[in-house]
N, C-alpha and C. Protein backbone atom coordinates (compact mmCIF):
# COMPACT_ATOMS: atom_id res chain seq x y z
N MET A 1 0.85 -1.17 0.00
CA MET A 1 0.00 0.00 0.00
C MET A 1 0.90 1.24 0.00
N PRO A 2 0.65 2.17 -0.92
CA PRO A 2 1.45 3.39 -0.93
C PRO A 2 1.17 4.24 0.31
N LEU A 3 2.20 4.92 0.81
CA LEU A 3 2.04 5.75 1.99
C LEU A 3 1.00 6.84 1.79
N SER A 4 0.77 7.27 0.56
CA SER A 4 -0.24 8.29 0.31
C SER A 4 -1.64 7.79 0.61
N SER A 5 -1.81 6.47 0.74
CA SER A 5 -3.12 5.89 1.05
C SER A 5 -3.41 5.88 2.54
N ILE A 6 -2.44 6.23 3.35
CA ILE A 6 -2.61 6.18 4.80
C ILE A 6 -3.06 7.54 5.31
N ALA A 7 -4.20 7.57 5.95
CA ALA A 7 -4.72 8.81 6.54
C ALA A 7 -4.71 8.68 8.05
N TYR A 8 -4.35 9.73 8.72
CA TYR A 8 -4.38 9.69 10.18
C TYR A 8 -4.54 11.09 10.73
N ALA A 9 -5.02 11.13 11.93
CA ALA A 9 -5.11 12.38 12.69
C ALA A 9 -4.43 12.08 14.01
N GLU A 10 -3.46 12.86 14.38
CA GLU A 10 -2.70 12.56 15.60
C GLU A 10 -2.67 13.77 16.51
N ASP A 11 -3.06 13.56 17.74
CA ASP A 11 -3.01 14.60 18.75
C ASP A 11 -3.54 13.98 20.04
N VAL A 12 -3.46 14.68 21.11
CA VAL A 12 -3.92 14.21 22.41
C VAL A 12 -4.97 15.16 22.94
N GLU A 13 -6.07 14.61 23.43
CA GLU A 13 -7.09 15.45 24.05
C GLU A 13 -6.78 15.59 25.53
N PHE A 14 -6.86 16.80 26.02
CA PHE A 14 -6.63 17.04 27.43
C PHE A 14 -7.93 17.48 28.08
N CYS A 15 -8.11 17.07 29.30
CA CYS A 15 -9.31 17.41 30.05
C CYS A 15 -9.21 18.86 30.54
N GLN A 16 -10.27 19.62 30.31
CA GLN A 16 -10.32 21.00 30.79
C GLN A 16 -10.86 21.07 32.21
N HIS A 17 -11.74 20.17 32.58
CA HIS A 17 -12.41 20.22 33.88
C HIS A 17 -12.22 18.91 34.64
N ARG A 18 -11.60 18.98 35.78
CA ARG A 18 -11.45 17.80 36.63
C ARG A 18 -12.53 17.80 37.69
N ASP A 19 -13.03 16.62 37.98
CA ASP A 19 -13.99 16.45 39.07
C ASP A 19 -13.29 16.85 40.36
N THR A 20 -13.90 17.68 41.17
CA THR A 20 -13.25 18.16 42.40
C THR A 20 -13.02 17.04 43.41
N ASN A 21 -13.75 15.94 43.30
CA ASN A 21 -13.59 14.83 44.24
C ASN A 21 -12.57 13.80 43.77
N ASN A 22 -12.22 13.83 42.50
CA ASN A 22 -11.33 12.81 41.97
C ASN A 22 -10.52 13.41 40.83
N ASN A 23 -9.28 13.75 41.05
CA ASN A 23 -8.45 14.40 40.04
C ASN A 23 -8.21 13.56 38.80
N ASN A 24 -8.46 12.26 38.87
CA ASN A 24 -8.23 11.41 37.72
C ASN A 24 -9.44 11.27 36.82
N TYR A 25 -10.53 11.93 37.13
CA TYR A 25 -11.75 11.80 36.34
C TYR A 25 -12.05 13.12 35.64
N CYS A 26 -12.30 13.05 34.36
CA CYS A 26 -12.67 14.25 33.60
C CYS A 26 -14.18 14.32 33.54
N ASP A 27 -14.74 15.47 33.82
CA ASP A 27 -16.20 15.61 33.84
C ASP A 27 -16.77 15.98 32.48
N GLY A 28 -16.06 15.72 31.41
CA GLY A 28 -16.58 15.94 30.07
C GLY A 28 -16.03 17.15 29.36
N GLY A 29 -15.20 17.92 29.97
CA GLY A 29 -14.67 19.12 29.34
C GLY A 29 -13.37 18.88 28.61
N TYR A 30 -13.41 18.17 27.49
CA TYR A 30 -12.20 17.88 26.73
C TYR A 30 -11.93 18.98 25.71
N LEU A 31 -10.66 19.26 25.49
CA LEU A 31 -10.27 20.14 24.40
C LEU A 31 -10.41 19.33 23.11
N PRO A 32 -11.19 19.79 22.15
CA PRO A 32 -11.40 19.01 20.94
C PRO A 32 -10.12 18.82 20.14
N LYS A 33 -9.92 17.62 19.67
CA LYS A 33 -8.78 17.27 18.85
C LYS A 33 -9.28 16.46 17.66
N PRO A 34 -8.48 16.33 16.62
CA PRO A 34 -8.95 15.62 15.43
C PRO A 34 -9.09 14.12 15.65
N HIS A 35 -10.12 13.56 15.06
CA HIS A 35 -10.33 12.11 15.06
C HIS A 35 -10.75 11.72 13.66
N LEU A 36 -10.30 10.56 13.21
CA LEU A 36 -10.84 10.04 11.96
C LEU A 36 -12.28 9.63 12.24
N THR A 37 -13.19 10.17 11.50
CA THR A 37 -14.60 9.83 11.69
C THR A 37 -15.21 9.21 10.44
N ASN A 38 -14.50 9.23 9.33
CA ASN A 38 -14.95 8.50 8.14
C ASN A 38 -13.72 8.18 7.31
N ALA A 39 -13.74 7.00 6.71
CA ALA A 39 -12.61 6.56 5.91
C ALA A 39 -13.07 5.46 4.96
N VAL A 40 -12.27 5.23 3.93
CA VAL A 40 -12.54 4.21 2.92
C VAL A 40 -11.47 3.14 3.03
N ASP A 41 -11.86 1.87 2.92
CA ASP A 41 -10.93 0.74 2.90
C ASP A 41 -10.03 0.71 4.14
N VAL A 42 -10.62 0.69 5.30
CA VAL A 42 -9.90 0.74 6.57
C VAL A 42 -9.15 -0.58 6.82
N ALA A 43 -7.89 -0.48 7.25
CA ALA A 43 -7.09 -1.65 7.60
C ALA A 43 -6.83 -1.71 9.10
N GLY A 44 -6.87 -0.57 9.80
CA GLY A 44 -6.65 -0.53 11.23
C GLY A 44 -7.11 0.80 11.79
N TYR A 45 -7.51 0.78 13.08
CA TYR A 45 -7.99 2.01 13.71
C TYR A 45 -7.61 1.99 15.19
N VAL A 46 -7.06 3.10 15.66
CA VAL A 46 -6.73 3.26 17.07
C VAL A 46 -7.22 4.64 17.48
N SER A 47 -7.82 4.72 18.68
CA SER A 47 -8.29 6.01 19.17
C SER A 47 -8.31 6.00 20.69
N TRP A 48 -8.65 7.14 21.27
CA TRP A 48 -8.79 7.26 22.71
C TRP A 48 -10.10 6.66 23.19
N GLY A 49 -11.04 6.44 22.29
CA GLY A 49 -12.30 5.81 22.67
C GLY A 49 -13.21 6.73 23.46
N PHE A 50 -13.90 6.16 24.45
CA PHE A 50 -14.92 6.86 25.23
C PHE A 50 -14.39 8.12 25.90
N HIS A 51 -13.21 8.06 26.46
CA HIS A 51 -12.65 9.23 27.14
C HIS A 51 -12.02 10.19 26.13
N SER A 52 -12.86 10.65 25.21
CA SER A 52 -12.47 11.64 24.21
C SER A 52 -13.75 12.30 23.73
N THR A 53 -13.61 13.18 22.76
CA THR A 53 -14.80 13.82 22.22
C THR A 53 -15.63 12.86 21.37
N LEU A 54 -15.14 11.66 21.10
CA LEU A 54 -15.92 10.67 20.36
C LEU A 54 -17.14 10.21 21.15
N GLY A 55 -17.01 10.07 22.46
CA GLY A 55 -18.13 9.67 23.29
C GLY A 55 -18.32 8.16 23.39
N ILE A 56 -19.31 7.76 24.17
CA ILE A 56 -19.53 6.36 24.51
C ILE A 56 -19.78 5.47 23.30
N ALA A 57 -20.76 5.80 22.50
CA ALA A 57 -21.19 4.91 21.42
C ALA A 57 -20.66 5.35 20.06
N PHE A 58 -19.41 5.80 20.01
CA PHE A 58 -18.87 6.34 18.77
C PHE A 58 -18.92 5.35 17.62
N SER A 59 -18.87 4.07 17.90
CA SER A 59 -18.86 3.08 16.82
C SER A 59 -20.26 2.69 16.35
N THR A 60 -21.30 3.04 17.10
CA THR A 60 -22.65 2.63 16.70
C THR A 60 -23.63 3.77 16.49
N ASN A 61 -23.25 4.99 16.81
CA ASN A 61 -24.21 6.10 16.69
C ASN A 61 -24.00 6.97 15.45
N GLY A 62 -23.15 6.53 14.53
CA GLY A 62 -22.92 7.29 13.30
C GLY A 62 -21.78 8.28 13.39
N THR A 63 -21.12 8.39 14.54
CA THR A 63 -20.00 9.31 14.68
C THR A 63 -18.81 8.88 13.83
N VAL A 64 -18.51 7.57 13.82
CA VAL A 64 -17.40 7.02 13.05
C VAL A 64 -17.98 6.02 12.05
N THR A 65 -17.76 6.27 10.76
CA THR A 65 -18.30 5.38 9.72
C THR A 65 -17.25 5.06 8.68
N TRP A 66 -17.27 3.82 8.22
CA TRP A 66 -16.35 3.36 7.19
C TRP A 66 -17.13 3.03 5.93
N THR A 67 -16.45 3.10 4.79
CA THR A 67 -17.02 2.70 3.52
C THR A 67 -15.99 1.89 2.75
N GLY A 68 -16.37 1.42 1.58
CA GLY A 68 -15.46 0.64 0.76
C GLY A 68 -15.23 -0.75 1.35
N ALA A 69 -14.03 -1.27 1.17
CA ALA A 69 -13.68 -2.60 1.65
C ALA A 69 -13.15 -2.50 3.08
N SER A 70 -14.05 -2.19 3.99
CA SER A 70 -13.66 -1.99 5.40
C SER A 70 -14.21 -3.10 6.27
N SER A 71 -13.93 -4.34 5.90
CA SER A 71 -14.48 -5.45 6.66
C SER A 71 -13.40 -6.41 7.15
N TRP A 72 -12.15 -6.08 6.99
CA TRP A 72 -11.07 -6.99 7.38
C TRP A 72 -9.97 -6.16 8.03
N TRP A 73 -10.28 -5.62 9.23
CA TRP A 73 -9.39 -4.65 9.84
C TRP A 73 -9.30 -4.89 11.35
N LEU A 74 -8.31 -4.27 11.99
CA LEU A 74 -8.08 -4.39 13.43
C LEU A 74 -8.37 -3.07 14.13
N ILE A 75 -8.71 -3.16 15.42
CA ILE A 75 -8.98 -1.97 16.22
C ILE A 75 -8.31 -2.08 17.59
N GLU A 76 -8.00 -0.91 18.13
CA GLU A 76 -7.51 -0.77 19.50
C GLU A 76 -7.94 0.60 19.99
N SER A 77 -8.31 0.70 21.25
CA SER A 77 -8.51 2.03 21.84
C SER A 77 -7.76 2.08 23.16
N PHE A 78 -7.43 3.29 23.58
CA PHE A 78 -6.69 3.47 24.83
C PHE A 78 -7.67 3.67 25.98
N GLU A 79 -8.67 2.83 26.02
CA GLU A 79 -9.73 2.92 27.03
C GLU A 79 -9.58 1.78 28.01
N SER A 80 -9.60 2.09 29.29
CA SER A 80 -9.35 1.08 30.30
C SER A 80 -10.43 0.02 30.40
N GLY A 81 -11.67 0.34 30.13
CA GLY A 81 -12.76 -0.63 30.31
C GLY A 81 -13.26 -1.24 29.03
N ASN A 82 -12.56 -1.08 27.92
CA ASN A 82 -13.10 -1.55 26.65
C ASN A 82 -13.15 -3.06 26.52
N GLY A 83 -12.60 -3.80 27.46
CA GLY A 83 -12.65 -5.25 27.42
C GLY A 83 -13.65 -5.86 28.39
N GLN A 84 -14.36 -5.03 29.12
CA GLN A 84 -15.34 -5.54 30.08
C GLN A 84 -16.68 -5.76 29.39
N ARG A 85 -17.36 -6.84 29.79
CA ARG A 85 -18.65 -7.17 29.17
C ARG A 85 -19.72 -6.13 29.49
N ASN A 86 -19.84 -5.75 30.74
CA ASN A 86 -20.87 -4.81 31.16
C ASN A 86 -20.26 -3.44 31.35
N THR A 87 -20.14 -2.71 30.28
CA THR A 87 -19.49 -1.41 30.35
C THR A 87 -20.18 -0.41 29.42
N ASP A 88 -20.10 0.82 29.77
CA ASP A 88 -20.56 1.88 28.90
C ASP A 88 -19.37 2.64 28.31
N TYR A 89 -18.20 2.00 28.26
CA TYR A 89 -17.01 2.66 27.77
C TYR A 89 -16.84 2.56 26.26
N GLY A 90 -17.83 2.07 25.56
CA GLY A 90 -17.72 1.99 24.10
C GLY A 90 -16.70 0.97 23.65
N GLY A 91 -16.66 -0.18 24.28
CA GLY A 91 -15.67 -1.19 23.98
C GLY A 91 -16.10 -2.20 22.95
N PHE A 92 -15.59 -3.42 23.11
CA PHE A 92 -15.72 -4.42 22.05
C PHE A 92 -17.15 -4.84 21.77
N PHE A 93 -18.06 -4.75 22.73
CA PHE A 93 -19.46 -5.07 22.44
C PHE A 93 -20.04 -4.08 21.43
N HIS A 94 -19.63 -2.83 21.52
CA HIS A 94 -20.07 -1.83 20.55
C HIS A 94 -19.36 -2.05 19.21
N TRP A 95 -18.07 -2.34 19.24
CA TRP A 95 -17.29 -2.48 18.01
C TRP A 95 -17.79 -3.62 17.13
N PHE A 96 -18.32 -4.68 17.77
CA PHE A 96 -18.78 -5.86 17.02
C PHE A 96 -20.30 -5.89 16.85
N ALA A 97 -20.97 -4.77 17.08
CA ALA A 97 -22.43 -4.68 16.91
C ALA A 97 -22.75 -4.74 15.41
N PRO A 98 -23.96 -5.20 15.07
CA PRO A 98 -24.32 -5.32 13.65
C PRO A 98 -24.22 -4.01 12.87
N ASN A 99 -24.48 -2.87 13.51
CA ASN A 99 -24.45 -1.58 12.82
C ASN A 99 -23.17 -0.78 13.09
N ALA A 100 -22.15 -1.43 13.62
CA ALA A 100 -20.92 -0.72 13.98
C ALA A 100 -20.26 -0.06 12.78
N PHE A 101 -19.73 1.11 13.01
CA PHE A 101 -18.96 1.87 12.03
C PHE A 101 -19.72 2.11 10.73
N GLY A 102 -21.03 2.31 10.87
CA GLY A 102 -21.87 2.68 9.74
C GLY A 102 -22.26 1.54 8.82
N GLY A 103 -21.95 0.32 9.21
CA GLY A 103 -22.30 -0.82 8.37
C GLY A 103 -23.65 -1.41 8.76
N ALA A 104 -24.08 -2.37 8.00
CA ALA A 104 -25.30 -3.12 8.29
C ALA A 104 -24.95 -4.60 8.28
N ASN A 105 -25.56 -5.35 9.18
CA ASN A 105 -25.32 -6.79 9.25
C ASN A 105 -23.84 -7.13 9.39
N HIS A 106 -23.15 -6.42 10.24
CA HIS A 106 -21.72 -6.64 10.56
C HIS A 106 -20.78 -6.33 9.40
N ALA A 107 -21.22 -5.56 8.41
CA ALA A 107 -20.39 -5.29 7.23
C ALA A 107 -19.11 -4.53 7.56
N ASN A 108 -19.12 -3.69 8.58
CA ASN A 108 -17.93 -2.87 8.89
C ASN A 108 -17.30 -3.21 10.23
N THR A 109 -17.68 -4.32 10.84
CA THR A 109 -17.08 -4.67 12.12
C THR A 109 -15.64 -5.15 11.91
N PRO A 110 -14.79 -4.94 12.90
CA PRO A 110 -13.40 -5.39 12.75
C PRO A 110 -13.30 -6.91 12.76
N VAL A 111 -12.19 -7.42 12.29
CA VAL A 111 -11.94 -8.85 12.33
C VAL A 111 -11.23 -9.22 13.63
N GLY A 112 -10.63 -8.22 14.29
CA GLY A 112 -9.95 -8.46 15.55
C GLY A 112 -9.79 -7.18 16.35
N ALA A 113 -9.72 -7.34 17.68
CA ALA A 113 -9.59 -6.19 18.57
C ALA A 113 -8.76 -6.57 19.78
N VAL A 114 -7.91 -5.66 20.23
CA VAL A 114 -7.23 -5.82 21.51
C VAL A 114 -7.94 -4.90 22.50
N THR A 115 -8.23 -5.44 23.67
CA THR A 115 -8.97 -4.70 24.68
C THR A 115 -8.31 -4.85 26.03
N HIS A 116 -8.76 -4.03 26.98
CA HIS A 116 -8.18 -4.04 28.31
C HIS A 116 -9.27 -4.18 29.34
N VAL A 117 -9.02 -4.97 30.35
CA VAL A 117 -10.04 -5.26 31.35
C VAL A 117 -9.77 -4.60 32.68
N ASP A 118 -8.73 -3.81 32.74
CA ASP A 118 -8.36 -3.09 33.95
C ASP A 118 -7.65 -1.83 33.48
N GLU A 119 -7.48 -0.89 34.38
CA GLU A 119 -6.81 0.37 34.01
C GLU A 119 -5.37 0.08 33.62
N PRO A 120 -5.05 0.17 32.32
CA PRO A 120 -3.68 -0.14 31.93
C PRO A 120 -2.73 1.05 32.00
N GLY A 121 -3.27 2.27 32.02
CA GLY A 121 -2.40 3.43 31.84
C GLY A 121 -1.83 3.36 30.44
N LEU A 122 -1.26 4.41 29.95
CA LEU A 122 -0.73 4.38 28.59
C LEU A 122 0.41 3.40 28.42
N SER A 123 1.15 3.13 29.49
CA SER A 123 2.25 2.16 29.37
C SER A 123 1.74 0.73 29.30
N GLY A 124 0.46 0.50 29.58
CA GLY A 124 -0.08 -0.86 29.59
C GLY A 124 -0.94 -1.22 28.40
N VAL A 125 -1.28 -0.26 27.55
CA VAL A 125 -2.07 -0.60 26.37
C VAL A 125 -1.17 -1.28 25.34
N ASN A 126 -1.77 -2.02 24.44
CA ASN A 126 -0.97 -2.67 23.41
C ASN A 126 -0.23 -1.63 22.59
N ASN A 127 0.98 -1.97 22.19
CA ASN A 127 1.79 -1.06 21.39
C ASN A 127 1.20 -1.01 19.98
N PRO A 128 0.57 0.11 19.60
CA PRO A 128 -0.09 0.15 18.29
C PRO A 128 0.88 0.00 17.11
N TYR A 129 2.10 0.49 17.26
CA TYR A 129 3.08 0.35 16.19
C TYR A 129 3.35 -1.13 15.91
N THR A 130 3.61 -1.90 16.96
CA THR A 130 3.86 -3.33 16.80
C THR A 130 2.61 -4.05 16.30
N TYR A 131 1.47 -3.77 16.91
CA TYR A 131 0.19 -4.41 16.58
C TYR A 131 -0.14 -4.27 15.10
N PHE A 132 -0.17 -3.04 14.61
CA PHE A 132 -0.57 -2.80 13.23
C PHE A 132 0.50 -3.19 12.23
N ASN A 133 1.77 -3.06 12.59
CA ASN A 133 2.83 -3.45 11.67
C ASN A 133 2.91 -4.97 11.49
N LEU A 134 2.71 -5.72 12.57
CA LEU A 134 2.69 -7.18 12.43
C LEU A 134 1.53 -7.61 11.54
N TRP A 135 0.36 -6.98 11.74
CA TRP A 135 -0.81 -7.30 10.92
C TRP A 135 -0.54 -6.95 9.44
N ALA A 136 0.01 -5.77 9.19
CA ALA A 136 0.28 -5.34 7.81
C ALA A 136 1.33 -6.21 7.13
N SER A 137 2.23 -6.80 7.92
CA SER A 137 3.28 -7.65 7.34
C SER A 137 2.82 -9.08 7.10
N GLY A 138 1.54 -9.38 7.39
CA GLY A 138 1.00 -10.70 7.10
C GLY A 138 0.95 -11.66 8.27
N LYS A 139 1.29 -11.19 9.46
CA LYS A 139 1.19 -12.05 10.64
C LYS A 139 -0.28 -12.20 11.04
N SER A 140 -0.60 -13.26 11.75
CA SER A 140 -1.98 -13.49 12.16
C SER A 140 -2.39 -12.50 13.24
N PHE A 141 -3.70 -12.34 13.41
CA PHE A 141 -4.21 -11.46 14.45
C PHE A 141 -3.68 -11.89 15.82
N GLY A 142 -3.66 -13.18 16.11
CA GLY A 142 -3.17 -13.66 17.40
C GLY A 142 -1.73 -13.27 17.66
N ILE A 143 -0.88 -13.40 16.66
CA ILE A 143 0.53 -13.02 16.81
C ILE A 143 0.64 -11.51 17.01
N ALA A 144 -0.10 -10.74 16.23
CA ALA A 144 -0.05 -9.28 16.36
C ALA A 144 -0.53 -8.84 17.74
N ALA A 145 -1.63 -9.42 18.21
CA ALA A 145 -2.18 -9.04 19.51
C ALA A 145 -1.23 -9.44 20.65
N TRP A 146 -0.76 -10.66 20.65
CA TRP A 146 0.08 -11.17 21.74
C TRP A 146 1.43 -10.44 21.80
N ASN A 147 2.04 -10.22 20.66
CA ASN A 147 3.37 -9.59 20.65
C ASN A 147 3.34 -8.09 20.87
N SER A 148 2.16 -7.48 20.81
CA SER A 148 2.07 -6.04 21.06
C SER A 148 1.61 -5.72 22.48
N ARG A 149 1.27 -6.74 23.26
CA ARG A 149 0.74 -6.49 24.61
C ARG A 149 1.83 -6.00 25.54
N ARG A 150 1.42 -5.12 26.48
CA ARG A 150 2.35 -4.61 27.49
C ARG A 150 1.76 -4.77 28.88
N THR A 151 0.76 -5.62 29.01
CA THR A 151 0.14 -5.92 30.30
C THR A 151 -0.44 -7.31 30.24
N GLU A 152 -0.59 -7.94 31.39
CA GLU A 152 -1.26 -9.24 31.42
C GLU A 152 -2.78 -9.10 31.48
N ARG A 153 -3.26 -7.88 31.65
CA ARG A 153 -4.70 -7.63 31.77
C ARG A 153 -5.28 -7.14 30.46
N PHE A 154 -5.16 -7.95 29.45
CA PHE A 154 -5.72 -7.61 28.16
C PHE A 154 -6.41 -8.84 27.59
N GLN A 155 -7.24 -8.61 26.60
CA GLN A 155 -7.83 -9.74 25.89
C GLN A 155 -7.82 -9.44 24.40
N ALA A 156 -7.71 -10.49 23.63
CA ALA A 156 -7.79 -10.39 22.18
C ALA A 156 -9.14 -10.95 21.78
N VAL A 157 -9.91 -10.18 21.00
CA VAL A 157 -11.24 -10.58 20.58
C VAL A 157 -11.22 -10.77 19.07
N GLY A 158 -11.40 -12.00 18.62
CA GLY A 158 -11.39 -12.30 17.20
C GLY A 158 -10.74 -13.66 16.96
N ASP A 159 -10.68 -14.07 15.72
CA ASP A 159 -10.07 -15.32 15.32
C ASP A 159 -8.55 -15.15 15.35
N PRO A 160 -7.85 -15.89 16.20
CA PRO A 160 -6.41 -15.67 16.32
C PRO A 160 -5.63 -16.07 15.06
N PHE A 161 -6.22 -16.88 14.20
CA PHE A 161 -5.50 -17.37 13.02
C PHE A 161 -5.74 -16.55 11.76
N VAL A 162 -6.64 -15.59 11.79
CA VAL A 162 -6.96 -14.80 10.62
C VAL A 162 -5.78 -13.91 10.26
N VAL A 163 -5.54 -13.75 8.95
CA VAL A 163 -4.47 -12.87 8.46
C VAL A 163 -5.05 -11.88 7.47
N LYS A 164 -4.32 -10.80 7.27
CA LYS A 164 -4.77 -9.73 6.36
C LYS A 164 -4.85 -10.24 4.95
């Protein structure tokens, strides 16, 4: 794939308002930063997830939509609860919903996802460089997920043997 085909938006959102009872919690006042919200022929996606201006249901409410051949791709978010079953953090249950990312009948759902079941901090999330590069080089999802992990509190969701 030519480098001109790769689109990205890179920046960090910072919280403007901290909850007075808990300095680690943002009460919704984020400084807006760029996010990819639509793309064609997606191969991989990483974002801050729920704790950003994307919001809880970014993958199912029309905020982020894919078109073209966007049915064989990987996802990761830097969200601590995205691997929990009962969560409102916009995690893997949302990512694999039938209408996720603007598709119908699972047309745009990812083929694999790395998620976290505990607060990983940025040093504990999967290394996106390793994760996406292993996938792009033809390694299986399982190899990409396992070799990019930086914590024991993660899960890989998808077929471990699938390749790009």
